PDB file of N, CA and C in Angstrom:
ATOM      1  N   MET A   1       0.823  -1.197   0.011  1.00  0.00           N
ATOM      2  CA  MET A   1       0.002  -0.002  -0.004  1.00  0.00           C
ATOM      3  C   MET A   1       0.858   1.258  -0.002  1.00  0.00           C
ATOM      4  N   VAL A   2       1.971   1.221   0.732  1.00  0.00           N
ATOM      5  CA  VAL A   2       2.833   2.371   0.810  1.00  0.00           C
ATOM      6  C   VAL A   2       3.436   2.696  -0.540  1.00  0.00           C
ATOM      7  N   ASN A   3       3.867   1.682  -1.285  1.00  0.00           N
ATOM      8  CA  ASN A   3       4.447   1.906  -2.608  1.00  0.00           C
ATOM      9  C   ASN A   3       3.446   2.483  -3.583  1.00  0.00           C
ATOM     10  N   VAL A   4       2.205   2.023  -3.525  1.00  0.00           N
ATOM     11  CA  VAL A   4       1.162   2.541  -4.405  1.00  0.00           C
ATOM     12  C   VAL A   4       0.901   4.007  -4.099  1.00  0.00           C
ATOM     13  N   LEU A   5       0.779   4.326  -2.835  1.00  0.00           N
ATOM     14  CA  LEU A   5       0.533   5.715  -2.412  1.00  0.00           C
ATOM     15  C   LEU A   5       1.732   6.591  -2.781  1.00  0.00           C
ATOM     16  N   ARG A   6       2.911   6.098  -2.569  1.00  0.00           N
ATOM     17  CA  ARG A   6       4.122   6.852  -2.891  1.00  0.00           C
ATOM     18  C   ARG A   6       4.180   7.145  -4.389  1.00  0.00           C
ATOM     19  N   ASN A   7       3.825   6.147  -5.203  1.00  0.00           N
ATOM     20  CA  ASN A   7       3.818   6.347  -6.660  1.00  0.00           C
ATOM     21  C   ASN A   7       2.756   7.362  -7.083  1.00  0.00           C
ATOM     22  N   ARG A   8       1.597   7.309  -6.478  1.00  0.00           N
ATOM     23  CA  ARG A   8       0.533   8.279  -6.810  1.00  0.00           C
ATOM     24  C   ARG A   8       0.944   9.682  -6.450  1.00  0.00           C
ATOM     25  N   VAL A   9       1.572   9.832  -5.274  1.00  0.00           N
ATOM     26  CA  VAL A   9       2.042  11.154  -4.833  1.00  0.00           C
ATOM     27  C   VAL A   9       3.121  11.667  -5.797  1.00  0.00           C
ATOM     28  N   TYR A  10       4.057  10.820  -6.165  1.00  0.00           N
ATOM     29  CA  TYR A  10       5.132  11.220  -7.073  1.00  0.00           C
ATOM     30  C   TYR A  10       4.578  11.630  -8.441  1.00  0.00           C
ATOM     31  N   GLU A  11       3.633  10.857  -8.962  1.00  0.00           N
ATOM     32  CA  GLU A  11       3.047  11.185 -10.270  1.00  0.00           C
ATOM     33  C   GLU A  11       2.295  12.516 -10.233  1.00  0.00           C
ATOM     34  N   LYS A  12       1.619  12.789  -9.140  1.00  0.00           N
ATOM     35  CA  LYS A  12       0.891  14.045  -9.017  1.00  0.00           C
ATOM     36  C   LYS A  12       1.861  15.230  -8.955  1.00  0.00           C
ATOM     37  N   ILE A  13       2.955  15.077  -8.220  1.00  0.00           N
ATOM     38  CA  ILE A  13       3.969  16.122  -8.137  1.00  0.00           C
ATOM     39  C   ILE A  13       4.622  16.331  -9.497  1.00  0.00           C
ATOM     40  N   LYS A  14       4.936  15.245 -10.174  1.00  0.00           N
ATOM     41  CA  LYS A  14       5.589  15.282 -11.472  1.00  0.00           C
ATOM     42  C   LYS A  14       4.702  15.986 -12.493  1.00  0.00           C
ATOM     43  N   SER A  15       3.415  15.763 -12.450  1.00  0.00           N
ATOM     44  CA  SER A  15       2.513  16.373 -13.410  1.00  0.00           C
ATOM     45  C   SER A  15       2.345  17.876 -13.182  1.00  0.00           C
ATOM     46  N   SER A  16       2.491  18.319 -11.935  1.00  0.00           N
ATOM     47  CA  SER A  16       2.312  19.744 -11.656  1.00  0.00           C
ATOM     48  C   SER A  16       3.622  20.523 -11.622  1.00  0.00           C
ATOM     49  N   GLY A  17       4.750  19.833 -11.548  1.00  0.00           N
ATOM     50  CA  GLY A  17       6.048  20.536 -11.479  1.00  0.00           C
ATOM     51  C   GLY A  17       6.415  20.855 -10.058  1.00  0.00           C
ATOM     52  N   ASN A  18       5.680  21.761  -9.440  1.00  0.00           N
ATOM     53  CA  ASN A  18       5.828  22.020  -8.015  1.00  0.00           C
ATOM     54  C   ASN A  18       4.467  22.302  -7.440  1.00  0.00           C
ATOM     55  N   ILE A  19       4.294  22.016  -6.156  1.00  0.00           N
ATOM     56  CA  ILE A  19       2.966  22.130  -5.562  1.00  0.00           C
ATOM     57  C   ILE A  19       3.109  22.346  -4.065  1.00  0.00           C
ATOM     58  N   ILE A  20       2.133  22.967  -3.447  1.00  0.00           N
ATOM     59  CA  ILE A  20       2.059  23.173  -2.000  1.00  0.00           C
ATOM     60  C   ILE A  20       1.452  21.918  -1.382  1.00  0.00           C
ATOM     61  N   ASP A  21       1.876  21.562  -0.164  1.00  0.00           N
ATOM     62  CA  ASP A  21       1.444  20.310   0.439  1.00  0.00           C
ATOM     63  C   ASP A  21      -0.085  20.219   0.604  1.00  0.00           C
ATOM     64  N   THR A  22      -0.738  21.297   0.972  1.00  0.00           N
ATOM     65  CA  THR A  22      -2.194  21.243   1.166  1.00  0.00           C
ATOM     66  C   THR A  22      -2.914  21.099  -0.184  1.00  0.00           C
ATOM     67  N   GLU A  23      -2.346  21.713  -1.239  1.00  0.00           N
ATOM     68  CA  GLU A  23      -2.937  21.563  -2.571  1.00  0.00           C
ATOM     69  C   GLU A  23      -2.752  20.118  -3.063  1.00  0.00           C
ATOM     70  N   LEU A  24      -1.618  19.527  -2.763  1.00  0.00           N
ATOM     71  CA  LEU A  24      -1.363  18.142  -3.128  1.00  0.00           C
ATOM     72  C   LEU A  24      -2.349  17.209  -2.441  1.00  0.00           C
ATOM     73  N   LEU A  25      -2.577  17.449  -1.166  1.00  0.00           N
ATOM     74  CA  LEU A  25      -3.519  16.629  -0.411  1.00  0.00           C
ATOM     75  C   LEU A  25      -4.923  16.718  -1.000  1.00  0.00           C
ATOM     76  N   GLU A  26      -5.345  17.929  -1.325  1.00  0.00           N
ATOM     77  CA  GLU A  26      -6.687  18.111  -1.913  1.00  0.00           C
ATOM     78  C   GLU A  26      -6.787  17.486  -3.296  1.00  0.00           C
ATOM     79  N   ALA A  27      -5.722  17.598  -4.101  1.00  0.00           N
ATOM     80  CA  ALA A  27      -5.722  17.005  -5.437  1.00  0.00           C
ATOM     81  C   ALA A  27      -5.809  15.493  -5.375  1.00  0.00           C
ATOM     82  N   LEU A  28      -5.122  14.895  -4.428  1.00  0.00           N
ATOM     83  CA  LEU A  28      -5.167  13.437  -4.270  1.00  0.00           C
ATOM     84  C   LEU A  28      -6.563  12.995  -3.800  1.00  0.00           C
ATOM     85  N   LYS A  29      -7.150  13.731  -2.876  1.00  0.00           N
ATOM     86  CA  LYS A  29      -8.502  13.415  -2.408  1.00  0.00           C
ATOM     87  C   LYS A  29      -9.515  13.564  -3.547  1.00  0.00           C
ATOM     88  N   LYS A  30      -9.308  14.569  -4.393  1.00  0.00           N
ATOM     89  CA  LYS A  30     -10.173  14.799  -5.536  1.00  0.00           C
ATOM     90  C   LYS A  30     -10.121  13.647  -6.537  1.00  0.00           C
ATOM     91  N   ASP A  31      -8.948  13.018  -6.633  1.00  0.00           N
ATOM     92  CA  ASP A  31      -8.758  11.859  -7.503  1.00  0.00           C
ATOM     93  C   ASP A  31      -9.267  10.568  -6.899  1.00  0.00           C
ATOM     94  N   GLY A  32      -9.780  10.629  -5.667  1.00  0.00           N
ATOM     95  CA  GLY A  32     -10.349   9.437  -5.028  1.00  0.00           C
ATOM     96  C   GLY A  32      -9.387   8.684  -4.136  1.00  0.00           C
ATOM     97  N   VAL A  33      -8.237   9.251  -3.837  1.00  0.00           N
ATOM     98  CA  VAL A  33      -7.271   8.606  -2.957  1.00  0.00           C
ATOM     99  C   VAL A  33      -7.605   8.970  -1.525  1.00  0.00           C
ATOM    100  N   GLU A  34      -7.836   7.960  -0.690  1.00  0.00           N
ATOM    101  CA  GLU A  34      -8.103   8.216   0.728  1.00  0.00           C
ATOM    102  C   GLU A  34      -6.767   8.387   1.426  1.00  0.00           C
ATOM    103  N   ILE A  35      -6.463   9.607   1.807  1.00  0.00           N
ATOM    104  CA  ILE A  35      -5.160   9.927   2.382  1.00  0.00           C
ATOM    105  C   ILE A  35      -5.311  10.975   3.462  1.00  0.00           C
ATOM    106  N   THR A  36      -4.501  10.844   4.488  1.00  0.00           N
ATOM    107  CA  THR A  36      -4.443  11.862   5.543  1.00  0.00           C
ATOM    108  C   THR A  36      -3.127  12.615   5.418  1.00  0.00           C
ATOM    109  N   MET A  37      -3.004  13.709   6.145  1.00  0.00           N
ATOM    110  CA  MET A  37      -1.761  14.465   6.117  1.00  0.00           C
ATOM    111  C   MET A  37      -0.610  13.627   6.666  1.00  0.00           C
ATOM    112  N   ARG A  38      -0.908  12.777   7.621  1.00  0.00           N
ATOM    113  CA  ARG A  38       0.135  11.901   8.183  1.00  0.00           C
ATOM    114  C   ARG A  38       0.670  10.924   7.115  1.00  0.00           C
ATOM    115  N   ASP A  39      -0.262  10.324   6.348  1.00  0.00           N
ATOM    116  CA  ASP A  39       0.162   9.424   5.259  1.00  0.00           C
ATOM    117  C   ASP A  39       0.939  10.167   4.193  1.00  0.00           C
ATOM    118  N   LEU A  40       0.505  11.378   3.878  1.00  0.00           N
ATOM    119  CA  LEU A  40       1.219  12.186   2.902  1.00  0.00           C
ATOM    120  C   LEU A  40       2.619  12.514   3.372  1.00  0.00           C
ATOM    121  N   ASN A  41       2.758  12.847   4.646  1.00  0.00           N
ATOM    122  CA  ASN A  41       4.081  13.146   5.213  1.00  0.00           C
ATOM    123  C   ASN A  41       5.021  11.934   5.114  1.00  0.00           C
ATOM    124  N   LYS A  42       4.472  10.753   5.383  1.00  0.00           N
ATOM    125  CA  LYS A  42       5.281   9.548   5.301  1.00  0.00           C
ATOM    126  C   LYS A  42       5.755   9.304   3.851  1.00  0.00           C
ATOM    127  N   ALA A  43       4.824   9.467   2.899  1.00  0.00           N
ATOM    128  CA  ALA A  43       5.184   9.264   1.508  1.00  0.00           C
ATOM    129  C   ALA A  43       6.216  10.284   1.055  1.00  0.00           C
ATOM    130  N   LEU A  44       6.045  11.523   1.467  1.00  0.00           N
ATOM    131  CA  LEU A  44       7.016  12.579   1.100  1.00  0.00           C
ATOM    132  C   LEU A  44       8.359  12.310   1.724  1.00  0.00           C
ATOM    133  N   PHE A  45       8.378  11.806   2.961  1.00  0.00           N
ATOM    134  CA  PHE A  45       9.628  11.468   3.647  1.00  0.00           C
ATOM    135  C   PHE A  45      10.389  10.400   2.879  1.00  0.00           C
ATOM    136  N   HIS A  46       9.671   9.345   2.458  1.00  0.00           N
ATOM    137  CA  HIS A  46      10.321   8.279   1.688  1.00  0.00           C
ATOM    138  C   HIS A  46      10.842   8.787   0.361  1.00  0.00           C
ATOM    139  N   LEU A  47      10.051   9.610  -0.324  1.00  0.00           N
ATOM    140  CA  LEU A  47      10.484  10.158  -1.606  1.00  0.00           C
ATOM    141  C   LEU A  47      11.689  11.074  -1.452  1.00  0.00           C
ATOM    142  N   GLU A  48      11.735  11.801  -0.345  1.00  0.00           N
ATOM    143  CA  GLU A  48      12.854  12.699  -0.104  1.00  0.00           C
ATOM    144  C   GLU A  48      14.123  11.897   0.218  1.00  0.00           C
ATOM    145  N   ILE A  49      13.994  10.824   0.942  1.00  0.00           N
ATOM    146  CA  ILE A  49      15.144   9.967   1.236  1.00  0.00           C
ATOM    147  C   ILE A  49      15.698   9.354  -0.052  1.00  0.00           C
ATOM    148  N   LEU A  50      14.822   8.987  -0.970  1.00  0.00           N
ATOM    149  CA  LEU A  50      15.224   8.412  -2.247  1.00  0.00           C
ATOM    150  C   LEU A  50      15.715   9.489  -3.219  1.00  0.00           C
ATOM    151  N   ASN A  51      15.722  10.746  -2.790  1.00  0.00           N
ATOM    152  CA  ASN A  51      16.176  11.890  -3.583  1.00  0.00           C
ATOM    153  C   ASN A  51      15.356  12.059  -4.844  1.00  0.00           C
ATOM    154  N   MET A  52      14.050  11.799  -4.737  1.00  0.00           N
ATOM    155  CA  MET A  52      13.158  11.973  -5.863  1.00  0.00           C
ATOM    156  C   MET A  52      12.439  13.289  -5.817  1.00  0.00           C
ATOM    157  N   VAL A  53      12.194  13.823  -4.609  1.00  0.00           N
ATOM    158  CA  VAL A  53      11.535  15.117  -4.448  1.00  0.00           C
ATOM    159  C   VAL A  53      12.312  15.958  -3.468  1.00  0.00           C
ATOM    160  N   SER A  54      12.031  17.248  -3.524  1.00  0.00           N
ATOM    161  CA  SER A  54      12.612  18.195  -2.584  1.00  0.00           C
ATOM    162  C   SER A  54      11.475  18.911  -1.873  1.00  0.00           C
ATOM    163  N   VAL A  55      11.535  18.939  -0.549  1.00  0.00           N
ATOM    164  CA  VAL A  55      10.486  19.593   0.239  1.00  0.00           C
ATOM    165  C   VAL A  55      11.146  20.752   0.984  1.00  0.00           C
ATOM    166  N   ARG A  56      10.550  21.950   0.790  1.00  0.00           N
ATOM    167  CA  ARG A  56      11.086  23.157   1.433  1.00  0.00           C
ATOM    168  C   ARG A  56       9.966  23.907   2.105  1.00  0.00           C
ATOM    169  N   TRP A  57      10.264  24.500   3.233  1.00  0.00           N
ATOM    170  CA  TRP A  57       9.281  25.313   3.950  1.00  0.00           C
ATOM    171  C   TRP A  57       9.149  26.672   3.283  1.00  0.00           C
ATOM    172  N   MET A  58       7.891  27.117   3.131  1.00  0.00           N
ATOM    173  CA  MET A  58       7.592  28.430   2.542  1.00  0.00           C
ATOM    174  C   MET A  58       6.929  29.331   3.588  1.00  0.00           C
ATOM    175  N   GLY A  59       7.287  29.200   4.791  1.00  0.00           N
ATOM    176  CA  GLY A  59       6.649  29.953   5.872  1.00  0.00           C
ATOM    177  C   GLY A  59       6.383  29.002   7.016  1.00  0.00           C
ATOM    178  N   LYS A  60       5.497  29.398   7.859  1.00  0.00           N
ATOM    179  CA  LYS A  60       5.243  28.604   9.059  1.00  0.00           C
ATOM    180  C   LYS A  60       4.362  27.374   8.791  1.00  0.00           C
ATOM    181  N   GLU A  61       3.451  27.486   7.873  1.00  0.00           N
ATOM    182  CA  GLU A  61       2.471  26.422   7.666  1.00  0.00           C
ATOM    183  C   GLU A  61       2.521  25.764   6.276  1.00  0.00           C
ATOM    184  N   LYS A  62       3.302  26.275   5.339  1.00  0.00           N
ATOM    185  CA  LYS A  62       3.295  25.758   3.986  1.00  0.00           C
ATOM    186  C   LYS A  62       4.627  25.114   3.624  1.00  0.00           C
ATOM    187  N   ARG A  63       4.534  24.049   2.801  1.00  0.00           N
ATOM    188  CA  ARG A  63       5.737  23.420   2.256  1.00  0.00           C
ATOM    189  C   ARG A  63       5.603  23.336   0.752  1.00  0.00           C
ATOM    190  N   ARG A  64       6.668  23.656   0.070  1.00  0.00           N
ATOM    191  CA  ARG A  64       6.723  23.554  -1.402  1.00  0.00           C
ATOM    192  C   ARG A  64       7.383  22.239  -1.754  1.00  0.00           C
ATOM    193  N   ILE A  65       6.747  21.463  -2.599  1.00  0.00           N
ATOM    194  CA  ILE A  65       7.244  20.159  -3.000  1.00  0.00           C
ATOM    195  C   ILE A  65       7.517  20.205  -4.495  1.00  0.00           C
ATOM    196  N   GLU A  66       8.724  19.798  -4.870  1.00  0.00           N
ATOM    197  CA  GLU A  66       9.083  19.778  -6.284  1.00  0.00           C
ATOM    198  C   GLU A  66       9.949  18.563  -6.578  1.00  0.00           C
ATOM    199  N   ILE A  67      10.024  18.219  -7.841  1.00  0.00           N
ATOM    200  CA  ILE A  67      10.862  17.111  -8.284  1.00  0.00           C
ATOM    201  C   ILE A  67      12.323  17.496  -8.087  1.00  0.00           C
ATOM    202  N   ALA A  68      13.120  16.598  -7.506  1.00  0.00           N
ATOM    203  CA  ALA A  68      14.520  16.879  -7.255  1.00  0.00           C
ATOM    204  C   ALA A  68      15.289  16.899  -8.573  1.00  0.00           C
ATOM    205  N   THR A  69      16.276  17.784  -8.630  1.00  0.00           N
ATOM    206  CA  THR A  69      17.103  17.872  -9.826  1.00  0.00           C
ATOM    207  C   THR A  69      18.376  17.075  -9.625  1.00  0.00           C
ATOM    208  N   LYS A  70      19.029  16.766 -10.714  1.00  0.00           N
ATOM    209  CA  LYS A  70      20.283  16.011 -10.657  1.00  0.00           C
ATOM    210  C   LYS A  70      21.408  16.829 -10.026  1.00  0.00           C
ATOM    211  N   GLU A  71      21.322  18.161 -10.060  1.00  0.00           N
ATOM    212  CA  GLU A  71      22.362  18.990  -9.461  1.00  0.00           C
ATOM    213  C   GLU A  71      22.498  18.783  -7.970  1.00  0.00           C
ATOM    214  N   ALA A  72      21.415  18.396  -7.333  1.00  0.00           N
ATOM    215  CA  ALA A  72      21.457  18.199  -5.892  1.00  0.00           C
ATOM    216  C   ALA A  72      22.296  16.997  -5.512  1.00  0.00           C
ATOM    217  N   GLU A  73      22.505  16.085  -6.430  1.00  0.00           N
ATOM    218  CA  GLU A  73      23.302  14.879  -6.156  1.00  0.00           C
ATOM    219  C   GLU A  73      24.801  15.126  -6.196  1.00  0.00           C
ATOM    220  N   LYS A  74      25.244  16.203  -6.827  1.00  0.00           N
ATOM    221  CA  LYS A  74      26.659  16.471  -6.960  1.00  0.00           C
ATOM    222  C   LYS A  74      27.257  16.878  -5.605  1.00  0.00           C
ATOM    223  N   PRO A  75      28.431  16.381  -5.279  1.00  0.00           N
ATOM    224  CA  PRO A  75      29.045  16.793  -4.026  1.00  0.00           C
ATOM    225  C   PRO A  75      29.508  18.232  -4.088  1.00  0.00           C
ATOM    226  N   GLN A  76      29.453  18.911  -2.956  1.00  0.00           N
ATOM    227  CA  GLN A  76      29.807  20.320  -2.888  1.00  0.00           C
ATOM    228  C   GLN A  76      31.318  20.519  -2.672  1.00  0.00           C
ATOM    229  N   ALA A  77      31.980  19.533  -2.112  1.00  0.00           N
ATOM    230  CA  ALA A  77      33.410  19.674  -1.809  1.00  0.00           C
ATOM    231  C   ALA A  77      34.273  19.389  -3.034  1.00  0.00           C
ATOM    232  N   ILE A  78      35.373  20.091  -3.154  1.00  0.00           N
ATOM    233  CA  ILE A  78      36.326  19.823  -4.205  1.00  0.00           C
ATOM    234  C   ILE A  78      37.571  19.224  -3.562  1.00  0.00           C
ATOM    235  N   TRP A  79      37.943  18.029  -3.952  1.00  0.00           N
ATOM    236  CA  TRP A  79      39.084  17.342  -3.323  1.00  0.00           C
ATOM    237  C   TRP A  79      40.275  17.432  -4.153  1.00  0.00           C
TER     238      TRP A  79
END
């Protein structure tokens, strides 16, 4: 179930480019996915660990979610 939900969340983010967490939750509910904010947070956490999405705070209550770019994988240090 977690993989299916994670895939649905990723596809929705990919189709919109970037999205706010509350808008993502409403869009998933509109598509018929039974999801809570807790389940969404778990799915986003897994996707962020896999370096598939980037989640950033846009204030106290909003988070911006976008597809991770390949530039984020490059190391910052020069040896």
